Amino acid sequence: MIQFQNKSAPKKLFDRPFPTEKNCFVVGQKLEGIDPKHVALFCVMTISEVCGYRIKLHFDGYQCDYDFWVNADCPDLFYPGWCKLNSRILQPPKDYGKKFDWITYLREAQAFPAPKHNFVSTKHINSSKSQHKFHIGGKLEALDKVTRVLARQLICVATVVDILGNRVRIHLDGRTDDSDYWVDISSNNIYPVRWCGKNGKTLIPPKGYKNTLNAYKDSQKTKTFNWTEYLKETNSDPVPDDAFVRRPIRDFCKTMIIEVVDIVVPKLLRIARVVDVRNSELKIIYDGFDKEYEYWVEDDSPDIHPVGWSSQTNHPIEVPPETHWYCLVPGCKGYGNSSNSLKMNHDKLEDCPYEIDSWKTAIAGLRQMPDRLKIHNVLTTTTSTLASSKTKKTNVHHNKNKEKNIINTEHTNFIEIKEKINEKRLNFLLDPNNIEPKCDTAIENTLSNDKIPSIDKKKLCKNIGLSLAGFISNSVSTDTDILHGYWTIHNDQLGIPLFNTTDVRTWSVHEVALYVKKVVANYKSDRKIDRDSSISDRFINQV
């Protein structure tokens, strides 16, 4: 900064200049997330790479071509089970041929869920929901984000179709869900109804919206869009005008220095300079690149950061090379490959993501990336369509035969019990650092054995739980020998001898059954229970 006499962008211009918590995500952990290309869909994902405060996500069941990078505090990420708790439809992994259940899936994949405390944004979703006046179905006017970088931006008739805290999903009326996008309620990209008319802007009506001016004429003409008529036709209400609290324009100015995620090789973080400012848009250029590589970015983008963000988050940052790479593009070090996304680098100009034609295509959003859903013919279900289809099926079923609505109470209770057990198991896995299972009086007395007074009772329970959770995916970062030690201590305090090995993963079915029998016998004697129990025999028969 001193050498080139540059000025860094002040921290006050960023919503969260530096993270206040560590990135606790681990490669291999699974979670739920919003597809950035199809924002109406919540999908099963796996963390495939971690770098500083950023993570790379992979769609389960799909190729790596669709992987993408986000910050660890991205509001589009949720812990496993969140969709079920919040009435969202979770899209299962590709070709997953049965009803999706997290406990079953984690067991099959031998994987571990990302813990709840890793997800910063979910803590504030429910608390902020009632603090604004946006509502699902509310009409408004919104920017078509495809035209954001064009000379003429389009503002369209739109609808609020989903809400997550202070964020709303905007749907452009008459378009497919592919045009939807999530936005904060203070965004400068959304406006109340009739805003365009009051400000001399052209409002784009819904695609295919036509009315006949004169029924006696053969030709049909498009009628001028009218909000009053449209609201009546769609039986909808506008979002109240006072719900829009637009944030002030940030005071970025030319020559300011920021750190920014590379738009064509998103694994990289680069030094960039602001060269122009237009309302809430910044035109930037990477340090070391020619003028023709300037492009526009929103001033509240999660991909721009203040100077020092890389060092604060332990993320590598790119500096201009002293010599040209084989492709001879100034500023390029050979990273990325525009011809093959699976390759990490390139040698030829035609494979360089910074080759000027390839660069301009990417900046304009016209890069021909394969559509994950279309290329695999994936059928998806959103919350609204599923609800309507369920209603139709229920009505048809009820009309055909009312007798079939008689519910088998025993079967229903069994399913409910199973779901509760799975929910408890999932909660156990999601929060392995706070495992303190409640022990009944007999077990508490047993754990209070004076044989090993130096072991804290809660610590012992917690570490036994950690050892069990860790065996599922080997992802608990605790010393295995120490965990085996707690396991041995626990059995010693119960007065139960172990086999030659303490690694229960190597036990046979009969050894496990014998151990269960000893535990039950010990429990019965402490509680003076005479009723015979054949748990171990049933265990052998049902394994």
Protein backbone atom coordinates (compact mmCIF):
# COMPACT_ATOMS: atom_id res chain seq x y z
CA MET A 1 0.00 0.00 0.00
CA ILE A 2 2.85 2.38 0.84
CA GLN A 3 4.84 1.41 -2.25
CA PHE A 4 2.01 2.19 -4.69
CA GLN A 5 0.47 4.99 -2.57
CA ASN A 6 -2.89 3.21 -2.44
CA LYS A 7 -5.78 3.75 -0.04
CA SER A 8 -7.69 0.80 1.34
CA ALA A 9 -11.51 0.82 1.46
CA PRO A 10 -12.60 1.61 5.06
CA LYS A 11 -13.98 -1.26 7.10
CA LYS A 12 -17.23 0.66 7.71
CA LEU A 13 -18.19 0.07 4.07
CA PHE A 14 -18.59 -3.68 4.69
CA ASP A 15 -21.43 -5.38 6.59
CA ARG A 16 -19.04 -7.85 8.20
CA PRO A 17 -15.49 -6.63 7.54
CA PHE A 18 -13.89 -9.55 9.38
CA PRO A 19 -15.36 -12.81 10.73
CA THR A 20 -16.00 -12.91 14.45
CA GLU A 21 -15.82 -16.69 14.62
CA LYS A 22 -13.59 -19.44 13.24
CA ASN A 23 -14.36 -21.57 10.23
CA CYS A 24 -15.14 -24.88 11.97
CA PHE A 25 -16.26 -26.77 8.86
CA VAL A 26 -14.33 -29.93 7.99
CA VAL A 27 -13.91 -31.69 4.65
CA GLY A 28 -16.43 -34.54 4.37
CA GLN A 29 -19.12 -32.99 6.55
CA LYS A 30 -22.62 -32.95 5.07
CA LEU A 31 -25.19 -30.19 5.17
CA GLU A 32 -28.22 -28.65 3.46
CA GLY A 33 -27.80 -25.69 1.12
CA ILE A 34 -29.48 -23.56 -1.52
CA ASP A 35 -28.41 -24.24 -5.10
CA PRO A 36 -26.92 -20.92 -6.35
CA LYS A 37 -28.12 -21.66 -9.91
CA HIS A 38 -31.60 -22.80 -8.83
CA VAL A 39 -32.29 -20.78 -5.68
CA ALA A 40 -35.71 -22.37 -5.09
CA LEU A 41 -34.04 -25.70 -4.29
CA PHE A 42 -32.54 -26.90 -1.01
CA CYS A 43 -30.04 -29.70 -1.69
CA VAL A 44 -27.87 -32.26 0.09
CA MET A 45 -24.24 -31.14 -0.10
CA THR A 46 -20.80 -32.18 1.10
CA ILE A 47 -17.82 -29.99 1.97
CA SER A 48 -15.09 -30.94 -0.49
CA GLU A 49 -12.45 -28.33 0.35
CA VAL A 50 -11.68 -25.74 3.03
CA CYS A 51 -9.46 -22.69 2.56
CA GLY A 52 -9.29 -20.01 5.24
CA TYR A 53 -12.81 -18.78 5.91
CA ARG A 54 -14.16 -20.26 2.69
CA ILE A 55 -15.51 -23.71 1.81
CA LYS A 56 -16.12 -25.56 -1.43
CA LEU A 57 -19.42 -27.45 -1.70
CA HIS A 58 -20.30 -30.52 -3.74
CA PHE A 59 -23.80 -31.68 -4.73
CA ASP A 60 -24.17 -35.27 -3.53
CA GLY A 61 -24.57 -37.68 -6.42
CA TYR A 62 -23.30 -35.27 -9.08
CA GLN A 63 -20.02 -34.59 -10.84
CA CYS A 64 -17.53 -32.07 -9.51
CA ASP A 65 -18.33 -29.69 -12.40
CA TYR A 66 -21.08 -28.11 -10.28
CA ASP A 67 -18.99 -27.51 -7.14
CA PHE A 68 -18.92 -23.93 -5.88
CA TRP A 69 -17.21 -21.77 -3.23
CA VAL A 70 -18.89 -19.75 -0.45
CA ASN A 71 -17.89 -18.04 2.78
CA ALA A 72 -18.29 -20.05 5.96
CA ASP A 73 -21.00 -17.64 7.15
CA CYS A 74 -23.01 -17.92 3.93
CA PRO A 75 -26.74 -17.55 4.74
CA ASP A 76 -27.60 -20.23 2.15
CA LEU A 77 -26.22 -23.06 4.33
CA PHE A 78 -28.15 -25.04 6.93
CA TYR A 79 -27.49 -27.97 9.26
CA PRO A 80 -28.89 -31.42 8.37
CA GLY A 81 -32.53 -31.61 9.39
CA TRP A 82 -33.16 -27.87 9.06
CA CYS A 83 -35.45 -28.23 6.04
CA LYS A 84 -37.69 -30.71 7.84
CA LEU A 85 -37.95 -28.44 10.88
CA ASN A 86 -38.75 -25.40 8.73
CA SER A 87 -41.19 -26.92 6.20
CA ARG A 88 -38.82 -26.83 3.23
CA ILE A 89 -38.49 -29.64 0.70
CA LEU A 90 -34.98 -31.11 0.63
CA GLN A 91 -33.88 -32.43 -2.76
CA PRO A 92 -32.22 -35.85 -2.21
CA PRO A 93 -28.92 -36.85 -3.85
CA LYS A 94 -29.09 -37.88 -7.49
CA ASP A 95 -30.46 -41.40 -8.08
CA TYR A 96 -31.25 -41.86 -4.39
CA GLY A 97 -34.02 -44.37 -4.91
CA LYS A 98 -35.77 -44.31 -1.54
CA LYS A 99 -37.25 -41.84 0.91
CA PHE A 100 -34.46 -39.63 2.17
CA ASP A 101 -33.65 -39.77 5.86
CA TRP A 102 -30.53 -38.13 7.27
CA ILE A 103 -29.70 -40.84 9.81
CA THR A 104 -29.95 -43.60 7.21
CA TYR A 105 -28.06 -41.58 4.63
CA LEU A 106 -25.22 -40.70 6.99
CA ARG A 107 -24.90 -44.34 7.96
CA GLU A 108 -24.85 -45.44 4.32
CA ALA A 109 -22.33 -42.78 3.33
CA GLN A 110 -20.28 -43.33 6.49
CA ALA A 111 -20.28 -39.56 6.85
CA PHE A 112 -20.71 -36.99 9.57
CA PRO A 113 -23.09 -33.97 9.64
CA ALA A 114 -21.81 -30.43 10.06
CA PRO A 115 -22.66 -29.36 13.66
CA LYS A 116 -25.34 -26.75 14.30
CA HIS A 117 -22.97 -24.24 15.86
CA ASN A 118 -21.10 -23.95 12.54
CA PHE A 119 -24.05 -22.17 10.94
CA VAL A 120 -23.94 -18.50 11.90
CA SER A 121 -26.92 -17.27 9.87
CA THR A 122 -29.53 -19.79 11.11
CA LYS A 123 -29.35 -18.33 14.62
CA HIS A 124 -31.12 -15.14 13.51
CA ILE A 125 -33.64 -16.41 10.96
CA ASN A 126 -36.60 -16.99 13.28
CA SER A 127 -35.95 -13.94 15.49
CA SER A 128 -36.02 -11.47 12.57
CA LYS A 129 -38.98 -12.99 10.70
CA SER A 130 -41.63 -10.93 12.52
CA GLN A 131 -39.73 -7.64 12.42
CA HIS A 132 -40.60 -6.67 8.83
CA LYS A 133 -43.75 -6.42 6.70
CA PHE A 134 -42.75 -8.56 3.73
CA HIS A 135 -45.06 -11.52 3.22
CA ILE A 136 -45.20 -14.48 0.87
CA GLY A 137 -47.34 -13.65 -2.15
CA GLY A 138 -46.73 -9.92 -1.84
CA LYS A 139 -46.26 -8.06 -5.13
CA LEU A 140 -43.48 -5.58 -5.86
CA GLU A 141 -41.14 -4.35 -8.58
CA ALA A 142 -37.67 -5.86 -8.83
CA LEU A 143 -34.54 -5.72 -10.92
CA ASP A 144 -33.91 -8.47 -13.45
CA LYS A 145 -30.42 -9.36 -12.24
CA VAL A 146 -29.42 -10.73 -15.64
CA THR A 147 -29.52 -7.13 -16.87
CA ARG A 148 -27.58 -5.74 -13.91
CA VAL A 149 -24.37 -5.23 -15.90
CA LEU A 150 -26.10 -3.97 -19.04
CA ALA A 151 -26.52 -0.34 -20.06
CA ARG A 152 -30.31 -0.67 -19.75
CA GLN A 153 -31.41 -2.46 -16.63
CA LEU A 154 -34.89 -4.00 -16.57
CA ILE A 155 -37.29 -3.66 -13.64
CA CYS A 156 -40.04 -6.27 -13.65
CA VAL A 157 -43.30 -7.19 -11.95
CA ALA A 158 -42.34 -9.61 -9.18
CA THR A 159 -43.61 -11.63 -6.22
CA VAL A 160 -42.17 -12.59 -2.82
CA VAL A 161 -42.22 -16.41 -2.85
CA ASP A 162 -40.15 -17.30 0.22
CA ILE A 163 -38.75 -15.62 3.33
CA LEU A 164 -35.74 -16.47 5.48
CA GLY A 165 -35.32 -13.92 8.26
CA ASN A 166 -34.51 -10.59 6.62
CA ARG A 167 -34.01 -12.17 3.21
CA VAL A 168 -36.73 -12.72 0.63
CA ARG A 169 -36.78 -14.79 -2.55
CA ILE A 170 -37.92 -12.72 -5.50
CA HIS A 171 -39.75 -14.34 -8.43
CA LEU A 172 -40.18 -12.41 -11.67
CA ASP A 173 -43.79 -12.96 -12.74
CA GLY A 174 -44.16 -14.94 -15.95
CA ARG A 175 -40.63 -16.39 -15.70
CA THR A 176 -39.33 -19.76 -14.52
CA ASP A 177 -37.77 -20.27 -11.09
CA ASP A 178 -34.32 -20.02 -12.72
CA SER A 179 -34.71 -16.22 -12.66
CA ASP A 180 -35.40 -16.13 -8.91
CA TYR A 181 -32.90 -14.65 -6.51
CA TRP A 182 -32.52 -14.06 -2.78
CA VAL A 183 -32.06 -10.52 -1.54
CA ASP A 184 -31.97 -8.63 1.75
CA ILE A 185 -35.08 -6.53 2.45
CA SER A 186 -32.87 -3.39 2.49
CA SER A 187 -31.55 -4.08 -1.01
CA ASN A 188 -31.56 -1.40 -3.70
CA ASN A 189 -32.76 -3.98 -6.24
CA ILE A 190 -36.38 -4.13 -5.03
CA TYR A 191 -39.07 -1.43 -5.07
CA PRO A 192 -42.70 -0.99 -4.01
CA VAL A 193 -45.47 -1.23 -6.60
CA ARG A 194 -45.84 1.83 -8.88
CA TRP A 195 -42.26 2.93 -8.13
CA CYS A 196 -41.36 2.86 -11.83
CA GLY A 197 -44.33 5.03 -12.76
CA LYS A 198 -43.47 7.60 -10.11
CA ASN A 199 -39.80 7.74 -11.14
CA GLY A 200 -40.12 7.74 -14.91
CA LYS A 201 -38.88 4.16 -15.34
CA THR A 202 -40.29 1.50 -17.66
CA LEU A 203 -41.86 -1.46 -15.84
CA ILE A 204 -41.61 -4.81 -17.63
CA PRO A 205 -44.97 -6.67 -17.31
CA PRO A 206 -45.14 -10.46 -16.82
CA LYS A 207 -44.18 -12.44 -19.88
CA GLY A 208 -47.27 -13.22 -21.99
CA TYR A 209 -49.49 -10.76 -20.12
CA LYS A 210 -52.02 -9.56 -22.75
CA ASN A 211 -55.53 -8.17 -22.75
CA THR A 212 -57.88 -7.39 -25.63
CA LEU A 213 -58.54 -3.69 -26.13
CA ASN A 214 -61.48 -4.23 -28.47
CA ALA A 215 -63.28 -7.54 -28.62
CA TYR A 216 -64.80 -6.60 -32.01
CA LYS A 217 -61.43 -6.20 -33.72
CA ASP A 218 -59.64 -9.15 -35.25
CA SER A 219 -56.20 -8.10 -34.03
CA GLN A 220 -55.19 -8.22 -30.38
CA LYS A 221 -53.08 -5.48 -28.86
CA THR A 222 -51.13 -5.50 -25.67
CA LYS A 223 -52.79 -3.37 -23.02
CA THR A 224 -50.71 -1.03 -20.91
CA PHE A 225 -49.91 -2.76 -17.62
CA ASN A 226 -51.98 -1.50 -14.71
CA TRP A 227 -51.16 -2.46 -11.12
CA THR A 228 -54.71 -2.08 -9.81
CA GLU A 229 -56.11 -4.48 -12.42
CA TYR A 230 -53.22 -6.92 -12.06
CA LEU A 231 -53.57 -7.14 -8.27
CA LYS A 232 -57.28 -7.82 -8.71
CA GLU A 233 -56.68 -10.44 -11.41
CA THR A 234 -54.09 -12.28 -9.34
CA ASN A 235 -56.04 -11.82 -6.07
CA SER A 236 -52.89 -10.55 -4.36
CA ASP A 237 -51.73 -7.66 -2.19
CA PRO A 238 -48.70 -5.44 -2.65
CA VAL A 239 -45.84 -5.36 -0.19
CA PRO A 240 -46.52 -2.22 1.91
CA ASP A 241 -44.51 0.84 0.92
CA ASP A 242 -43.14 1.30 4.43
CA ALA A 243 -41.66 -2.23 4.33
CA PHE A 244 -38.93 -0.95 2.01
CA VAL A 245 -36.09 0.53 4.03
CA ARG A 246 -33.37 1.03 1.45
CA ARG A 247 -29.84 1.04 2.75
CA PRO A 248 -27.70 4.08 1.98
CA ILE A 249 -25.21 3.96 -0.89
CA ARG A 250 -21.79 3.00 0.39
CA ASP A 251 -19.09 5.63 0.05
CA PHE A 252 -16.68 3.72 -2.16
CA CYS A 253 -14.54 5.89 -4.38
CA LYS A 254 -12.02 5.48 -7.16
CA THR A 255 -8.52 4.09 -6.43
CA MET A 256 -9.66 2.33 -3.24
CA ILE A 257 -8.08 -1.12 -2.74
CA ILE A 258 -10.09 -4.20 -1.74
CA GLU A 259 -9.67 -7.97 -1.72
CA VAL A 260 -12.01 -9.87 -4.03
CA VAL A 261 -12.79 -13.46 -5.01
CA ASP A 262 -11.67 -14.18 -8.58
CA ILE A 263 -14.81 -14.34 -10.72
CA VAL A 264 -13.47 -16.99 -13.15
CA VAL A 265 -11.27 -19.01 -10.74
CA PRO A 266 -13.24 -18.65 -7.49
CA LYS A 267 -10.70 -20.54 -5.42
CA LEU A 268 -8.40 -17.51 -5.68
CA LEU A 269 -8.51 -14.27 -3.70
CA ARG A 270 -7.02 -11.23 -5.47
CA ILE A 271 -6.05 -7.64 -4.79
CA ALA A 272 -8.33 -5.30 -6.74
CA ARG A 273 -8.72 -1.55 -7.31
CA VAL A 274 -11.95 0.39 -7.64
CA VAL A 275 -11.88 2.31 -10.94
CA ASP A 276 -15.47 3.60 -11.06
CA VAL A 277 -18.61 3.83 -8.91
CA ARG A 278 -22.24 3.87 -10.12
CA ASN A 279 -24.93 3.89 -7.43
CA SER A 280 -24.52 0.53 -5.66
CA GLU A 281 -22.14 -0.86 -8.30
CA LEU A 282 -18.33 -0.86 -8.28
CA LYS A 283 -16.15 -1.28 -11.34
CA ILE A 284 -12.97 -3.06 -10.29
CA ILE A 285 -9.81 -4.47 -11.85
CA TYR A 286 -7.41 -7.07 -10.50
CA ASP A 287 -3.92 -5.88 -9.67
CA GLY A 288 -1.56 -6.72 -12.55
CA PHE A 289 -4.30 -7.07 -15.22
CA ASP A 290 -4.91 -4.81 -18.22
CA LYS A 291 -7.74 -2.27 -18.43
CA GLU A 292 -9.88 -4.54 -20.60
CA TYR A 293 -10.41 -6.80 -17.54
CA GLU A 294 -12.45 -4.23 -15.65
CA TYR A 295 -15.91 -5.40 -14.56
CA TRP A 296 -18.83 -4.39 -12.33
CA VAL A 297 -19.70 -5.93 -8.95
CA GLU A 298 -22.35 -5.04 -6.35
CA ASP A 299 -21.03 -3.10 -3.37
CA ASP A 300 -22.63 -5.55 -0.91
CA SER A 301 -21.32 -8.67 -2.63
CA PRO A 302 -20.06 -11.38 -0.23
CA ASP A 303 -17.06 -11.77 -2.56
CA ILE A 304 -15.50 -8.38 -1.76
CA HIS A 305 -13.56 -7.75 1.45
CA PRO A 306 -11.45 -5.04 3.08
CA VAL A 307 -7.68 -5.14 2.91
CA GLY A 308 -6.38 -7.58 5.52
CA TRP A 309 -9.28 -10.05 5.26
CA SER A 310 -6.95 -12.69 3.80
CA SER A 311 -4.49 -12.44 6.68
CA GLN A 312 -7.29 -12.37 9.27
CA THR A 313 -8.81 -15.57 7.85
CA ASN A 314 -5.55 -17.29 6.90
CA HIS A 315 -6.50 -17.33 3.21
CA PRO A 316 -3.80 -17.13 0.50
CA ILE A 317 -3.93 -14.02 -1.68
CA GLU A 318 -2.62 -13.69 -5.21
CA VAL A 319 -0.06 -11.05 -6.17
CA PRO A 320 0.85 -10.21 -9.79
CA PRO A 321 3.50 -12.53 -11.27
CA GLU A 322 6.88 -11.13 -12.22
CA THR A 323 6.93 -13.06 -15.50
CA HIS A 324 4.26 -14.14 -17.99
CA TRP A 325 2.75 -17.63 -17.90
CA TYR A 326 2.74 -19.85 -20.99
CA CYS A 327 -0.60 -18.34 -22.10
CA LEU A 328 1.06 -14.88 -22.08
CA VAL A 329 -1.96 -13.22 -20.43
CA PRO A 330 -0.72 -10.44 -18.09
CA GLY A 331 -1.57 -11.27 -14.48
CA CYS A 332 -2.22 -14.99 -15.12
CA LYS A 333 -0.23 -17.61 -13.21
CA GLY A 334 -1.71 -20.62 -14.98
CA TYR A 335 -4.60 -21.28 -12.60
CA GLY A 336 -7.94 -22.57 -13.90
CA ASN A 337 -9.00 -24.12 -17.19
CA SER A 338 -11.90 -22.79 -19.27
CA SER A 339 -12.02 -25.95 -21.41
CA ASN A 340 -12.07 -28.48 -18.59
CA SER A 341 -13.36 -27.47 -15.16
CA LEU A 342 -11.78 -30.56 -13.59
CA LYS A 343 -8.29 -29.34 -14.47
CA MET A 344 -6.66 -26.99 -11.98
CA ASN A 345 -4.36 -25.24 -14.45
CA HIS A 346 -3.56 -24.63 -18.13
CA ASP A 347 -0.66 -24.05 -20.49
CA LYS A 348 -2.38 -22.92 -23.68
CA LEU A 349 -4.12 -19.62 -24.39
CA GLU A 350 -7.33 -21.33 -25.56
CA ASP A 351 -7.64 -23.01 -22.14
CA CYS A 352 -6.93 -19.84 -20.16
CA PRO A 353 -9.99 -18.50 -18.27
CA TYR A 354 -8.54 -15.00 -18.69
CA GLU A 355 -8.37 -15.25 -22.51
CA ILE A 356 -10.26 -12.10 -23.40
CA ASP A 357 -13.21 -13.69 -25.24
CA SER A 358 -13.64 -16.32 -22.53
CA TRP A 359 -13.34 -13.59 -19.89
CA LYS A 360 -15.99 -11.35 -21.49
CA THR A 361 -18.36 -14.31 -21.82
CA ALA A 362 -17.95 -15.14 -18.14
CA ILE A 363 -18.39 -11.52 -17.01
CA ALA A 364 -21.59 -11.16 -19.05
CA GLY A 365 -22.98 -14.31 -17.44
CA LEU A 366 -23.15 -16.05 -20.80
CA ARG A 367 -20.73 -18.89 -20.11
CA GLN A 368 -22.28 -22.13 -21.36
CA MET A 369 -22.13 -24.10 -18.14
CA PRO A 370 -24.13 -27.37 -18.20
CA ASP A 371 -27.37 -27.17 -16.23
CA ARG A 372 -27.17 -29.68 -13.38
CA LEU A 373 -30.89 -30.46 -13.52
CA LYS A 374 -31.53 -30.44 -17.26
CA ILE A 375 -28.51 -32.47 -18.29
CA HIS A 376 -29.42 -35.22 -15.79
CA ASN A 377 -33.21 -34.96 -16.32
CA VAL A 378 -33.74 -34.41 -12.61
CA LEU A 379 -37.31 -33.93 -11.38
CA THR A 380 -37.49 -31.49 -8.48
CA THR A 381 -40.23 -30.58 -6.06
CA THR A 382 -40.60 -27.23 -4.34
CA THR A 383 -42.54 -26.71 -1.15
CA SER A 384 -45.56 -25.12 -2.85
CA THR A 385 -45.93 -27.72 -5.61
CA LEU A 386 -45.55 -30.56 -3.18
CA ALA A 387 -48.20 -29.12 -0.90
CA SER A 388 -50.67 -28.72 -3.76
CA SER A 389 -50.00 -32.20 -5.12
CA LYS A 390 -50.47 -33.66 -1.66
CA THR A 391 -53.83 -31.90 -1.35
CA LYS A 392 -55.02 -33.19 -4.71
CA LYS A 393 -53.95 -36.74 -3.93
CA THR A 394 -55.64 -36.60 -0.52
CA ASN A 395 -58.93 -35.36 -1.99
CA VAL A 396 -58.96 -38.02 -4.73
CA HIS A 397 -58.12 -40.71 -2.24
CA HIS A 398 -60.88 -39.52 0.10
CA ASN A 399 -63.51 -39.46 -2.63
CA LYS A 400 -62.66 -42.90 -3.98
CA ASN A 401 -62.77 -44.81 -0.78
CA LYS A 402 -63.31 -43.32 2.68
CA GLU A 403 -62.62 -46.65 4.34
CA LYS A 404 -58.96 -46.47 3.27
CA ASN A 405 -58.51 -43.44 5.56
CA ILE A 406 -58.66 -45.67 8.65
CA ILE A 407 -55.23 -45.34 10.26
CA ASN A 408 -53.42 -48.24 11.80
CA THR A 409 -52.66 -46.66 15.18
CA GLU A 410 -49.98 -49.16 16.11
CA HIS A 411 -48.13 -48.65 12.82
CA THR A 412 -48.41 -44.87 13.10
CA ASN A 413 -47.08 -44.90 16.65
CA PHE A 414 -44.17 -47.05 15.53
CA ILE A 415 -43.30 -44.60 12.76
CA GLU A 416 -43.55 -41.63 15.15
CA ILE A 417 -41.31 -43.36 17.68
CA LYS A 418 -38.80 -44.22 14.97
CA GLU A 419 -38.79 -40.60 13.74
CA LYS A 420 -38.25 -39.32 17.28
CA ILE A 421 -35.36 -41.74 17.77
CA ASN A 422 -33.80 -40.67 14.47
CA GLU A 423 -34.28 -37.01 15.41
CA LYS A 424 -32.51 -37.58 18.72
CA ARG A 425 -29.70 -39.41 16.96
CA LEU A 426 -29.32 -36.59 14.45
CA ASN A 427 -29.27 -33.96 17.21
CA PHE A 428 -26.64 -36.03 18.97
CA LEU A 429 -24.48 -36.06 15.85
CA LEU A 430 -25.04 -32.38 15.09
CA ASP A 431 -23.72 -31.30 18.47
CA PRO A 432 -20.97 -33.75 19.48
CA ASN A 433 -19.17 -31.15 21.60
CA ASN A 434 -22.04 -30.79 24.05
CA ILE A 435 -22.87 -34.43 24.72
CA GLU A 436 -23.94 -34.76 28.33
CA PRO A 437 -26.56 -37.54 28.36
CA LYS A 438 -28.85 -37.70 31.35
CA CYS A 439 -28.13 -40.73 33.49
CA ASP A 440 -30.71 -42.33 35.72
CA THR A 441 -30.00 -42.73 39.42
CA ALA A 442 -28.61 -46.29 39.16
CA ILE A 443 -26.11 -45.35 36.46
CA GLU A 444 -25.17 -42.13 38.26
CA ASN A 445 -24.43 -44.11 41.40
CA THR A 446 -22.40 -46.57 39.38
CA LEU A 447 -20.41 -43.77 37.73
CA SER A 448 -19.75 -42.33 41.18
CA ASN A 449 -17.62 -45.38 41.95
CA ASP A 450 -14.60 -44.39 44.02
CA LYS A 451 -12.26 -46.69 42.08
CA ILE A 452 -11.12 -43.83 39.84
CA PRO A 453 -11.98 -40.59 41.67
CA SER A 454 -9.96 -38.38 39.28
CA ILE A 455 -12.43 -38.80 36.40
CA ASP A 456 -15.21 -36.20 36.24
CA LYS A 457 -18.62 -37.84 35.75
CA LYS A 458 -19.89 -35.41 33.09
CA LYS A 459 -16.57 -35.47 31.29
CA LEU A 460 -16.72 -39.27 31.23
CA CYS A 461 -20.26 -39.27 29.76
CA LYS A 462 -19.28 -36.64 27.20
CA ASN A 463 -16.19 -38.50 26.02
CA ILE A 464 -17.99 -41.82 25.80
CA GLY A 465 -20.49 -40.08 23.52
CA LEU A 466 -17.66 -38.54 21.52
CA SER A 467 -16.06 -41.92 21.03
CA LEU A 468 -19.32 -43.36 19.69
CA ALA A 469 -19.94 -40.38 17.39
CA GLY A 470 -16.36 -40.35 16.20
CA PHE A 471 -16.45 -44.00 15.13
CA ILE A 472 -19.18 -43.17 12.61
CA SER A 473 -16.95 -41.07 10.40
CA ASN A 474 -13.60 -40.68 12.15
CA SER A 475 -14.19 -36.92 12.01
CA VAL A 476 -14.10 -36.09 15.72
CA SER A 477 -10.74 -34.49 16.35
CA THR A 478 -10.03 -36.22 19.66
CA ASP A 479 -7.19 -38.58 20.39
CA THR A 480 -8.40 -42.16 19.79
CA ASP A 481 -6.26 -43.66 22.56
CA ILE A 482 -7.76 -41.22 25.07
CA LEU A 483 -11.28 -42.14 23.95
CA HIS A 484 -10.48 -45.84 24.33
CA GLY A 485 -9.22 -44.98 27.80
CA TYR A 486 -12.56 -43.47 28.76
CA TRP A 487 -14.32 -46.51 27.30
CA THR A 488 -12.19 -48.80 29.47
CA ILE A 489 -12.77 -46.67 32.58
CA HIS A 490 -16.52 -46.70 31.99
CA ASN A 491 -16.63 -50.49 31.82
CA ASP A 492 -14.33 -50.85 34.78
CA GLN A 493 -16.63 -48.69 36.89
CA LEU A 494 -19.57 -50.83 35.81
CA GLY A 495 -17.67 -53.91 36.84
CA ILE A 496 -17.83 -55.38 33.33
CA PRO A 497 -14.69 -57.10 32.03
CA LEU A 498 -13.67 -56.36 28.45
CA PHE A 499 -12.46 -58.69 25.71
CA ASN A 500 -8.85 -58.80 24.61
CA THR A 501 -9.34 -55.72 22.43
CA THR A 502 -11.07 -52.44 23.37
CA ASP A 503 -11.81 -51.63 19.73
CA VAL A 504 -15.50 -52.57 19.56
CA ARG A 505 -15.45 -52.19 15.78
CA THR A 506 -13.61 -55.50 15.55
CA TRP A 507 -15.99 -57.45 17.81
CA SER A 508 -18.09 -60.24 16.38
CA VAL A 509 -21.88 -60.36 16.76
CA HIS A 510 -21.60 -62.90 19.59
CA GLU A 511 -19.05 -60.77 21.44
CA VAL A 512 -21.34 -57.76 21.23
CA ALA A 513 -24.29 -59.87 22.39
CA LEU A 514 -22.27 -61.17 25.33
CA TYR A 515 -21.30 -57.63 26.29
CA VAL A 516 -24.96 -56.50 26.09
CA LYS A 517 -25.95 -59.43 28.27
CA LYS A 518 -23.40 -58.40 30.92
CA VAL A 519 -24.57 -54.78 30.86
CA VAL A 520 -28.21 -55.85 31.27
CA ALA A 521 -27.32 -58.23 34.07
CA ASN A 522 -25.42 -55.48 35.86
CA TYR A 523 -28.33 -53.05 35.43
CA LYS A 524 -30.87 -55.60 36.71
CA SER A 525 -28.84 -56.39 39.80
CA ASP A 526 -28.48 -52.70 40.68
CA ARG A 527 -32.22 -52.17 40.34
CA LYS A 528 -33.18 -55.55 41.84
CA ILE A 529 -35.18 -56.56 38.78
CA ASP A 530 -36.18 -60.22 38.69
CA ARG A 531 -37.87 -60.25 35.29
CA ASP A 532 -35.73 -62.22 32.85
CA SER A 533 -34.61 -60.37 29.75
CA SER A 534 -33.39 -62.02 26.56
CA ILE A 535 -32.08 -58.86 24.90
CA SER A 536 -28.82 -60.48 23.87
CA ASP A 537 -30.66 -63.43 22.25
CA ARG A 538 -32.96 -61.09 20.34
CA PHE A 539 -29.93 -59.03 19.36
CA ILE A 540 -28.31 -62.08 17.75
CA ASN A 541 -31.55 -63.08 15.98
CA GLN A 542 -32.26 -59.61 14.59
CA VAL A 543 -28.79 -58.51 13.46
